[in-house]
PDB file of N, CA and C in Angstrom:
ATOM      1  N   MET A   1      22.940  11.864  -5.389  1.00  0.00           N
ATOM      2  CA  MET A   1      23.629  12.355  -6.818  1.00  0.00           C
ATOM      3  C   MET A   1      24.246  11.267  -7.236  1.00  0.00           C
ATOM      4  N   GLN A   2      24.473  11.027  -8.381  1.00  0.00           N
ATOM      5  CA  GLN A   2      25.185   9.832  -9.138  1.00  0.00           C
ATOM      6  C   GLN A   2      26.148  10.518  -9.577  1.00  0.00           C
ATOM      7  N   ILE A   3      27.539   9.852  -9.571  1.00  0.00           N
ATOM      8  CA  ILE A   3      28.562  10.288 -10.342  1.00  0.00           C
ATOM      9  C   ILE A   3      29.080   9.089 -11.004  1.00  0.00           C
ATOM     10  N   THR A   4      29.854   9.324 -12.134  1.00  0.00           N
ATOM     11  CA  THR A   4      30.500   8.249 -12.911  1.00  0.00           C
ATOM     12  C   THR A   4      31.895   7.890 -12.214  1.00  0.00           C
ATOM     13  N   ASP A   5      32.250   6.779 -12.500  1.00  0.00           N
ATOM     14  CA  ASP A   5      33.587   6.329 -12.218  1.00  0.00           C
ATOM     15  C   ASP A   5      34.871   7.439 -12.457  1.00  0.00           C
ATOM     16  N   GLN A   6      34.652   7.860 -13.618  1.00  0.00           N
ATOM     17  CA  GLN A   6      35.629   8.936 -14.071  1.00  0.00           C
ATOM     18  C   GLN A   6      35.474  10.218 -13.104  1.00  0.00           C
ATOM     19  N   GLU A   7      34.272  10.558 -13.084  1.00  0.00           N
ATOM     20  CA  GLU A   7      34.083  11.844 -12.107  1.00  0.00           C
ATOM     21  C   GLU A   7      34.677  11.463 -10.556  1.00  0.00           C
ATOM     22  N   ARG A   8      34.269  10.416 -10.083  1.00  0.00           N
ATOM     23  CA  ARG A   8      34.891  10.128  -8.649  1.00  0.00           C
ATOM     24  C   ARG A   8      36.405  10.090  -8.916  1.00  0.00           C
ATOM     25  N   ALA A   9      36.936   9.466  -9.573  1.00  0.00           N
ATOM     26  CA  ALA A   9      38.256   9.545  -9.849  1.00  0.00           C
ATOM     27  C   ALA A   9      38.916  11.085  -9.700  1.00  0.00           C
ATOM     28  N   ASN A  10      38.300  11.766 -10.511  1.00  0.00           N
ATOM     29  CA  ASN A  10      38.716  13.132 -10.553  1.00  0.00           C
ATOM     30  C   ASN A  10      38.518  14.015  -9.310  1.00  0.00           C
ATOM     31  N   ILE A  11      37.531  13.642  -8.693  1.00  0.00           N
ATOM     32  CA  ILE A  11      37.241  14.186  -7.300  1.00  0.00           C
ATOM     33  C   ILE A  11      38.215  13.911  -6.270  1.00  0.00           C
ATOM     34  N   LEU A  12      38.562  12.636  -6.404  1.00  0.00           N
ATOM     35  CA  LEU A  12      39.552  12.093  -5.459  1.00  0.00           C
ATOM     36  C   LEU A  12      41.088  12.621  -5.715  1.00  0.00           C
ATOM     37  N   ALA A  13      41.196  12.762  -6.934  1.00  0.00           N
ATOM     38  CA  ALA A  13      42.596  13.407  -7.235  1.00  0.00           C
ATOM     39  C   ALA A  13      42.561  14.900  -6.870  1.00  0.00           C
ATOM     40  N   ALA A  14      41.548  15.508  -7.215  1.00  0.00           N
ATOM     41  CA  ALA A  14      41.332  16.940  -6.604  1.00  0.00           C
ATOM     42  C   ALA A  14      41.555  17.013  -5.137  1.00  0.00           C
ATOM     43  N   LEU A  15      40.912  16.266  -4.473  1.00  0.00           N
ATOM     44  CA  LEU A  15      41.002  16.374  -3.042  1.00  0.00           C
ATOM     45  C   LEU A  15      42.454  15.688  -2.609  1.00  0.00           C
ATOM     46  N   ASN A  16      43.148  15.012  -3.318  1.00  0.00           N
ATOM     47  CA  ASN A  16      44.263  14.546  -2.796  1.00  0.00           C
ATOM     48  C   ASN A  16      45.404  15.776  -3.134  1.00  0.00           C
ATOM     49  N   PHE A  17      45.257  16.527  -4.333  1.00  0.00           N
ATOM     50  CA  PHE A  17      45.929  17.723  -4.660  1.00  0.00           C
ATOM     51  C   PHE A  17      45.811  18.737  -3.405  1.00  0.00           C
ATOM     52  N   TRP A  18      44.417  18.892  -3.004  1.00  0.00           N
ATOM     53  CA  TRP A  18      44.117  19.994  -2.059  1.00  0.00           C
ATOM     54  C   TRP A  18      44.836  19.610  -0.765  1.00  0.00           C
ATOM     55  N   LEU A  19      44.763  18.199  -0.630  1.00  0.00           N
ATOM     56  CA  LEU A  19      45.493  17.856   0.684  1.00  0.00           C
ATOM     57  C   LEU A  19      46.989  17.989   0.777  1.00  0.00           C
ATOM     58  N   GLU A  20      47.676  17.802  -0.345  1.00  0.00           N
ATOM     59  CA  GLU A  20      49.080  17.894  -0.391  1.00  0.00           C
ATOM     60  C   GLU A  20      49.634  19.275  -0.654  1.00  0.00           C
ATOM     61  N   GLU A  21      48.763  20.107  -1.412  1.00  0.00           N
ATOM     62  CA  GLU A  21      49.226  21.306  -1.855  1.00  0.00           C
ATOM     63  C   GLU A  21      48.667  22.587  -1.316  1.00  0.00           C
ATOM     64  N   ILE A  22      47.339  22.580  -0.709  1.00  0.00           N
ATOM     65  CA  ILE A  22      46.639  23.606  -0.360  1.00  0.00           C
ATOM     66  C   ILE A  22      46.900  23.494   1.319  1.00  0.00           C
ATOM     67  N   VAL A  23      46.252  22.437   1.844  1.00  0.00           N
ATOM     68  CA  VAL A  23      46.130  22.371   3.325  1.00  0.00           C
ATOM     69  C   VAL A  23      47.298  22.627   4.265  1.00  0.00           C
ATOM     70  N   PRO A  24      48.407  22.264   3.785  1.00  0.00           N
ATOM     71  CA  PRO A  24      49.654  22.692   4.668  1.00  0.00           C
ATOM     72  C   PRO A  24      49.863  24.138   4.837  1.00  0.00           C
ATOM     73  N   TYR A  25      49.378  24.999   3.677  1.00  0.00           N
ATOM     74  CA  TYR A  25      49.629  26.406   3.812  1.00  0.00           C
ATOM     75  C   TYR A  25      48.539  27.131   4.696  1.00  0.00           C
ATOM     76  N   GLY A  26      47.476  26.639   5.278  1.00  0.00           N
ATOM     77  CA  GLY A  26      46.398  27.036   5.982  1.00  0.00           C
ATOM     78  C   GLY A  26      45.280  27.536   5.435  1.00  0.00           C
ATOM     79  N   THR A  27      44.366  28.246   5.955  1.00  0.00           N
ATOM     80  CA  THR A  27      43.206  28.618   5.724  1.00  0.00           C
ATOM     81  C   THR A  27      43.117  29.746   4.797  1.00  0.00           C
ATOM     82  N   ASP A  28      44.200  30.759   4.998  1.00  0.00           N
ATOM     83  CA  ASP A  28      44.076  31.955   4.175  1.00  0.00           C
ATOM     84  C   ASP A  28      44.536  31.539   2.861  1.00  0.00           C
ATOM     85  N   PHE A  29      45.542  30.716   2.701  1.00  0.00           N
ATOM     86  CA  PHE A  29      45.935  30.039   1.299  1.00  0.00           C
ATOM     87  C   PHE A  29      44.624  29.496   0.795  1.00  0.00           C
ATOM     88  N   ALA A  30      43.986  28.744   1.285  1.00  0.00           N
ATOM     89  CA  ALA A  30      42.772  28.036   0.710  1.00  0.00           C
ATOM     90  C   ALA A  30      41.834  29.029   0.339  1.00  0.00           C
ATOM     91  N   ARG A  31      41.559  29.891   1.136  1.00  0.00           N
ATOM     92  CA  ARG A  31      40.290  30.797   0.822  1.00  0.00           C
ATOM     93  C   ARG A  31      40.182  31.239  -0.687  1.00  0.00           C
ATOM     94  N   PRO A  32      41.058  31.731  -1.476  1.00  0.00           N
ATOM     95  CA  PRO A  32      40.762  32.145  -2.979  1.00  0.00           C
ATOM     96  C   PRO A  32      40.251  31.012  -3.833  1.00  0.00           C
ATOM     97  N   HIS A  33      40.719  29.874  -3.552  1.00  0.00           N
ATOM     98  CA  HIS A  33      40.277  28.741  -4.073  1.00  0.00           C
ATOM     99  C   HIS A  33      38.973  28.476  -3.822  1.00  0.00           C
ATOM    100  N   LEU A  34      38.439  28.574  -2.661  1.00  0.00           N
ATOM    101  CA  LEU A  34      36.916  28.376  -2.259  1.00  0.00           C
ATOM    102  C   LEU A  34      36.117  29.641  -2.885  1.00  0.00           C
ATOM    103  N   GLU A  35      36.654  30.671  -2.945  1.00  0.00           N
ATOM    104  CA  GLU A  35      36.042  31.769  -3.616  1.00  0.00           C
ATOM    105  C   GLU A  35      35.869  31.683  -4.897  1.00  0.00           C
ATOM    106  N   ALA A  36      36.741  31.200  -5.744  1.00  0.00           N
ATOM    107  CA  ALA A  36      36.899  31.048  -7.126  1.00  0.00           C
ATOM    108  C   ALA A  36      35.667  30.000  -7.604  1.00  0.00           C
ATOM    109  N   VAL A  37      35.255  29.159  -6.723  1.00  0.00           N
ATOM    110  CA  VAL A  37      34.137  28.327  -6.970  1.00  0.00           C
ATOM    111  C   VAL A  37      32.852  28.718  -6.293  1.00  0.00           C
ATOM    112  N   GLY A  38      32.746  29.868  -5.813  1.00  0.00           N
ATOM    113  CA  GLY A  38      31.521  30.621  -5.104  1.00  0.00           C
ATOM    114  C   GLY A  38      31.414  30.030  -3.693  1.00  0.00           C
ATOM    115  N   CYS A  39      32.343  29.619  -3.112  1.00  0.00           N
ATOM    116  CA  CYS A  39      32.061  29.132  -1.789  1.00  0.00           C
ATOM    117  C   CYS A  39      32.817  29.742  -0.942  1.00  0.00           C
ATOM    118  N   GLY A  40      33.339  31.094  -1.016  1.00  0.00           N
ATOM    119  CA  GLY A  40      34.148  31.775  -0.146  1.00  0.00           C
ATOM    120  C   GLY A  40      33.798  31.911   1.199  1.00  0.00           C
ATOM    121  N   GLU A  41      32.667  31.671   1.719  1.00  0.00           N
ATOM    122  CA  GLU A  41      32.068  31.783   2.988  1.00  0.00           C
ATOM    123  C   GLU A  41      32.140  30.651   3.917  1.00  0.00           C
ATOM    124  N   GLN A  42      32.604  29.550   3.087  1.00  0.00           N
ATOM    125  CA  GLN A  42      33.047  28.203   3.618  1.00  0.00           C
ATOM    126  C   GLN A  42      34.361  28.192   4.442  1.00  0.00           C
ATOM    127  N   ILE A  43      34.633  27.389   5.461  1.00  0.00           N
ATOM    128  CA  ILE A  43      35.555  27.237   6.245  1.00  0.00           C
ATOM    129  C   ILE A  43      36.423  25.997   5.561  1.00  0.00           C
ATOM    130  N   PRO A  44      37.764  26.168   5.046  1.00  0.00           N
ATOM    131  CA  PRO A  44      38.342  25.186   4.391  1.00  0.00           C
ATOM    132  C   PRO A  44      38.586  23.839   5.228  1.00  0.00           C
ATOM    133  N   LEU A  45      38.323  22.580   4.614  1.00  0.00           N
ATOM    134  CA  LEU A  45      38.632  21.348   5.407  1.00  0.00           C
ATOM    135  C   LEU A  45      39.943  21.272   5.732  1.00  0.00           C
ATOM    136  N   ALA A  46      40.028  20.702   7.274  1.00  0.00           N
ATOM    137  CA  ALA A  46      41.335  20.523   7.744  1.00  0.00           C
ATOM    138  C   ALA A  46      41.738  19.052   7.104  1.00  0.00           C
ATOM    139  N   LYS A  47      43.205  18.729   7.320  1.00  0.00           N
ATOM    140  CA  LYS A  47      43.666  17.269   6.741  1.00  0.00           C
ATOM    141  C   LYS A  47      42.778  16.194   7.175  1.00  0.00           C
ATOM    142  N   PRO A  48      42.465  16.123   8.454  1.00  0.00           N
ATOM    143  CA  PRO A  48      41.661  14.776   8.896  1.00  0.00           C
ATOM    144  C   PRO A  48      40.307  14.595   8.239  1.00  0.00           C
ATOM    145  N   GLU A  49      39.688  16.097   8.032  1.00  0.00           N
ATOM    146  CA  GLU A  49      38.421  16.102   7.405  1.00  0.00           C
ATOM    147  C   GLU A  49      38.569  15.682   5.915  1.00  0.00           C
ATOM    148  N   VAL A  50      39.480  16.060   5.135  1.00  0.00           N
ATOM    149  CA  VAL A  50      39.640  15.694   3.775  1.00  0.00           C
ATOM    150  C   VAL A  50      40.004  14.262   3.579  1.00  0.00           C
ATOM    151  N   GLN A  51      40.717  13.578   4.593  1.00  0.00           N
ATOM    152  CA  GLN A  51      41.046  12.342   4.518  1.00  0.00           C
ATOM    153  C   GLN A  51      39.795  11.482   4.863  1.00  0.00           C
ATOM    154  N   GLU A  52      38.863  11.922   5.709  1.00  0.00           N
ATOM    155  CA  GLU A  52      37.497  11.322   5.973  1.00  0.00           C
ATOM    156  C   GLU A  52      36.732  11.398   4.884  1.00  0.00           C
ATOM    157  N   LEU A  53      36.692  12.439   4.004  1.00  0.00           N
ATOM    158  CA  LEU A  53      35.758  12.813   2.929  1.00  0.00           C
ATOM    159  C   LEU A  53      36.145  11.806   1.745  1.00  0.00           C
ATOM    160  N   MET A  54      37.511  11.784   1.616  1.00  0.00           N
ATOM    161  CA  MET A  54      37.922  10.672   0.592  1.00  0.00           C
ATOM    162  C   MET A  54      37.655   9.263   0.848  1.00  0.00           C
ATOM    163  N   LYS A  55      37.804   8.997   2.282  1.00  0.00           N
ATOM    164  CA  LYS A  55      37.443   7.474   2.619  1.00  0.00           C
ATOM    165  C   LYS A  55      35.898   7.282   2.426  1.00  0.00           C
ATOM    166  N   ARG A  56      34.994   8.198   2.623  1.00  0.00           N
ATOM    167  CA  ARG A  56      33.690   8.127   2.600  1.00  0.00           C
ATOM    168  C   ARG A  56      33.357   7.961   1.036  1.00  0.00           C
ATOM    169  N   ILE A  57      33.980   8.791   0.013  1.00  0.00           N
ATOM    170  CA  ILE A  57      33.813   8.768  -1.364  1.00  0.00           C
ATOM    171  C   ILE A  57      34.251   7.273  -1.892  1.00  0.00           C
ATOM    172  N   ARG A  58      35.283   6.989  -1.372  1.00  0.00           N
ATOM    173  CA  ARG A  58      35.848   5.519  -1.807  1.00  0.00           C
ATOM    174  C   ARG A  58      34.838   4.401  -1.390  1.00  0.00           C
ATOM    175  N   GLN A  59      34.267   4.340  -0.159  1.00  0.00           N
ATOM    176  CA  GLN A  59      33.190   3.675   0.404  1.00  0.00           C
ATOM    177  C   GLN A  59      31.977   3.727  -0.375  1.00  0.00           C
ATOM    178  N   SER A  60      31.431   4.743  -0.696  1.00  0.00           N
ATOM    179  CA  SER A  60      30.341   4.850  -1.546  1.00  0.00           C
ATOM    180  C   SER A  60      30.502   4.216  -2.703  1.00  0.00           C
ATOM    181  N   HIS A  61      31.724   4.142  -3.276  1.00  0.00           N
ATOM    182  CA  HIS A  61      31.867   3.537  -4.681  1.00  0.00           C
ATOM    183  C   HIS A  61      31.870   2.075  -4.662  1.00  0.00           C
ATOM    184  N   SER A  62      32.232   1.468  -3.352  1.00  0.00           N
ATOM    185  CA  SER A  62      32.153  -0.095  -3.431  1.00  0.00           C
ATOM    186  C   SER A  62      30.951  -0.475  -2.978  1.00  0.00           C
ATOM    187  N   ARG A  63      29.778   0.217  -2.965  1.00  0.00           N
ATOM    188  CA  ARG A  63      28.568  -0.282  -2.660  1.00  0.00           C
ATOM    189  C   ARG A  63      27.788  -0.656  -3.877  1.00  0.00           C
TER     190      ARG A  63
END
């Protein structure tokens, strides 16, 4: 999947928000947000997983 620089920036910003504002409150707090996007059956990512995902997204941009 190809995404634009603008889309990548917004994804990273959303992940940063998730990391700072959702993750600290636990999976019960995160679940309604996943349900809102049709992914309620998924387990919310933990802090290290979000950080790793952000790193991978940044690395894919530099290629």
